[in-house]
């Protein structure tokens, strides 16, 4: 019910969240205190819990319990300070990707194709919302700040 896109420079996400048939607007991309970028798709409450867990050091022994249950877990994407990708799924150990472009969520395939065709992450998110009924309500974007 989300599209999150990373184009190697910016992390963007749509703003739609839903509770059954009721839609609302929310922010899905966040800058962590240490400068990394974070976004998640899945249950909003668990995404917030995962963001706090990542920000507090992502110690394996403190992984939120619901994250280990595949039916309840979220996908959490962390853009590291060097621009590499860490994606958390059902364990405390992230998947590491070297892709310059990446997307997660129900609209990921649309977003990846849009970026491959030269669109920015934000443009990809907005285009995805035109085709994926789960996505919409605008887009937010953050740029990784490196020194």
Protein backbone atom coordinates (compact mmCIF):
# COMPACT_ATOMS: atom_id res chain seq x y z
CA UNK A 1 0.00 0.00 0.00
CA UNK A 2 3.00 2.21 -0.55
CA UNK A 3 5.68 3.15 -2.99
CA UNK A 4 9.12 4.15 -1.74
CA UNK A 5 11.82 4.94 -4.28
CA UNK A 6 15.57 5.64 -4.05
CA UNK A 7 17.31 7.03 -7.11
CA UNK A 8 20.80 7.24 -5.65
CA UNK A 9 20.28 10.85 -4.55
CA UNK A 10 16.79 11.15 -3.10
CA UNK A 11 14.44 8.95 -1.14
CA UNK A 12 10.79 9.56 -1.96
CA UNK A 13 7.50 8.04 -0.87
CA UNK A 14 3.83 8.53 -1.48
CA UNK A 15 1.74 9.82 1.42
CA UNK A 16 -1.28 7.47 1.39
CA UNK A 17 -2.04 5.24 4.32
CA UNK A 18 -5.20 3.24 4.72
CA UNK A 19 -7.14 1.59 7.48
CA UNK A 20 -9.55 -0.76 5.81
CA UNK A 21 -11.41 1.43 3.33
CA UNK A 22 -10.44 4.71 5.00
CA UNK A 23 -7.48 6.60 3.51
CA UNK A 24 -5.37 9.16 5.33
CA UNK A 25 -2.23 11.19 4.59
CA UNK A 26 1.08 10.60 6.36
CA UNK A 27 4.83 11.10 5.95
CA UNK A 28 6.80 7.93 5.22
CA UNK A 29 10.36 9.23 4.73
CA UNK A 30 12.43 10.34 7.71
CA UNK A 31 15.92 11.55 8.44
CA UNK A 32 17.42 9.73 11.42
CA UNK A 33 19.43 11.63 14.02
CA UNK A 34 22.72 10.38 12.52
CA UNK A 35 21.77 11.58 9.02
CA UNK A 36 20.71 8.25 7.50
CA UNK A 37 17.39 8.12 5.69
CA UNK A 38 14.57 5.75 6.66
CA UNK A 39 11.29 4.73 5.05
CA UNK A 40 8.97 1.81 5.56
CA UNK A 41 5.93 0.12 4.12
CA UNK A 42 3.43 -2.02 5.96
CA UNK A 43 1.59 -1.32 9.19
CA UNK A 44 2.28 2.28 10.24
CA UNK A 45 2.61 1.40 13.92
CA UNK A 46 5.28 -1.22 13.18
CA UNK A 47 7.10 1.11 10.81
CA UNK A 48 7.34 3.66 13.62
CA UNK A 49 8.59 0.96 15.98
CA UNK A 50 11.17 -0.18 13.42
CA UNK A 51 12.34 3.40 12.91
CA UNK A 52 12.91 3.76 16.66
CA UNK A 53 14.70 0.39 16.73
CA UNK A 54 17.03 1.32 13.86
CA UNK A 55 17.72 4.72 15.37
CA UNK A 56 18.56 3.19 18.76
CA UNK A 57 21.23 0.92 17.27
CA UNK A 58 19.31 -2.00 15.68
CA UNK A 59 20.54 -4.51 18.25
CA UNK A 60 19.35 -7.98 17.14
CA UNK A 61 18.16 -8.98 20.62
CA UNK A 62 15.75 -6.00 20.72
CA UNK A 63 14.09 -6.46 17.31
CA UNK A 64 10.36 -5.69 17.69
CA UNK A 65 8.58 -9.02 18.19
CA UNK A 66 5.93 -8.38 15.52
CA UNK A 67 8.68 -7.91 12.92
CA UNK A 68 9.48 -11.63 13.15
CA UNK A 69 5.90 -12.52 12.12
CA UNK A 70 5.84 -12.33 8.32
CA UNK A 71 2.13 -11.53 8.15
CA UNK A 72 2.61 -8.54 10.46
CA UNK A 73 6.08 -7.34 9.51
CA UNK A 74 7.00 -4.25 7.56
CA UNK A 75 9.73 -3.60 5.03
CA UNK A 76 12.08 -0.94 6.30
CA UNK A 77 14.58 0.72 3.99
CA UNK A 78 17.61 2.53 5.40
CA UNK A 79 19.85 4.63 3.19
CA UNK A 80 23.26 4.51 4.82
CA UNK A 81 25.53 7.56 4.89
CA UNK A 82 27.61 6.12 2.03
CA UNK A 83 24.45 5.75 -0.10
CA UNK A 84 24.21 1.97 0.25
CA UNK A 85 20.90 0.29 1.01
CA UNK A 86 19.90 -1.80 4.01
CA UNK A 87 16.46 -3.39 3.86
CA UNK A 88 14.97 -5.02 6.92
CA UNK A 89 12.35 -7.72 6.51
CA UNK A 90 11.60 -10.44 9.10
CA UNK A 91 14.96 -10.56 10.88
CA UNK A 92 17.34 -8.17 12.61
CA UNK A 93 19.85 -8.70 9.83
CA UNK A 94 19.27 -6.48 6.80
CA UNK A 95 19.49 -7.31 3.15
CA UNK A 96 22.29 -5.20 1.64
CA UNK A 97 21.94 -3.91 -1.89
CA UNK A 98 24.44 -2.21 -4.15
CA UNK A 99 21.80 -1.00 -6.60
CA UNK A 100 21.89 2.69 -7.38
CA UNK A 101 18.10 2.64 -7.74
CA UNK A 102 15.67 0.65 -5.62
CA UNK A 103 12.02 0.66 -4.67
CA UNK A 104 9.79 -1.14 -2.18
CA UNK A 105 6.05 -1.36 -1.59
CA UNK A 106 3.11 -2.32 -3.74
CA UNK A 107 4.10 0.19 -6.42
CA UNK A 108 7.77 -0.78 -6.58
CA UNK A 109 7.73 -2.23 -10.10
CA UNK A 110 6.25 0.95 -11.58
CA UNK A 111 8.78 3.08 -9.69
CA UNK A 112 11.80 1.03 -10.72
CA UNK A 113 10.76 1.23 -14.37
CA UNK A 114 10.18 4.99 -14.17
CA UNK A 115 13.63 5.52 -12.67
CA UNK A 116 15.23 3.28 -15.31
CA UNK A 117 13.63 5.58 -17.88
CA UNK A 118 15.30 8.62 -16.29
CA UNK A 119 12.75 9.87 -13.78
CA UNK A 120 13.77 10.98 -10.29
CA UNK A 121 12.52 9.07 -7.26
CA UNK A 122 9.87 11.72 -6.64
CA UNK A 123 8.70 11.68 -10.26
CA UNK A 124 8.60 7.88 -10.10
CA UNK A 125 6.43 7.97 -6.96
CA UNK A 126 4.00 10.45 -8.53
CA UNK A 127 3.79 8.42 -11.75
CA UNK A 128 3.25 5.22 -9.77
CA UNK A 129 0.27 6.80 -8.02
CA UNK A 130 -1.38 7.17 -11.42
CA UNK A 131 -1.30 3.39 -11.95
CA UNK A 132 -1.31 1.79 -8.49
CA UNK A 133 -4.53 2.41 -6.58
CA UNK A 134 -2.77 1.74 -3.24
CA UNK A 135 -0.51 4.78 -3.67
CA UNK A 136 -1.23 8.49 -3.72
CA UNK A 137 -1.91 11.64 -1.70
CA UNK A 138 1.25 13.35 -2.99
CA UNK A 139 4.89 12.63 -2.27
CA UNK A 140 7.64 13.51 0.19
CA UNK A 141 11.35 13.51 -0.64
CA UNK A 142 14.59 13.65 1.34
CA UNK A 143 18.10 13.95 -0.04
CA UNK A 144 21.02 12.19 1.57
CA UNK A 145 23.36 14.85 2.94
CA UNK A 146 26.99 13.86 2.71
CA UNK A 147 30.03 15.87 3.63
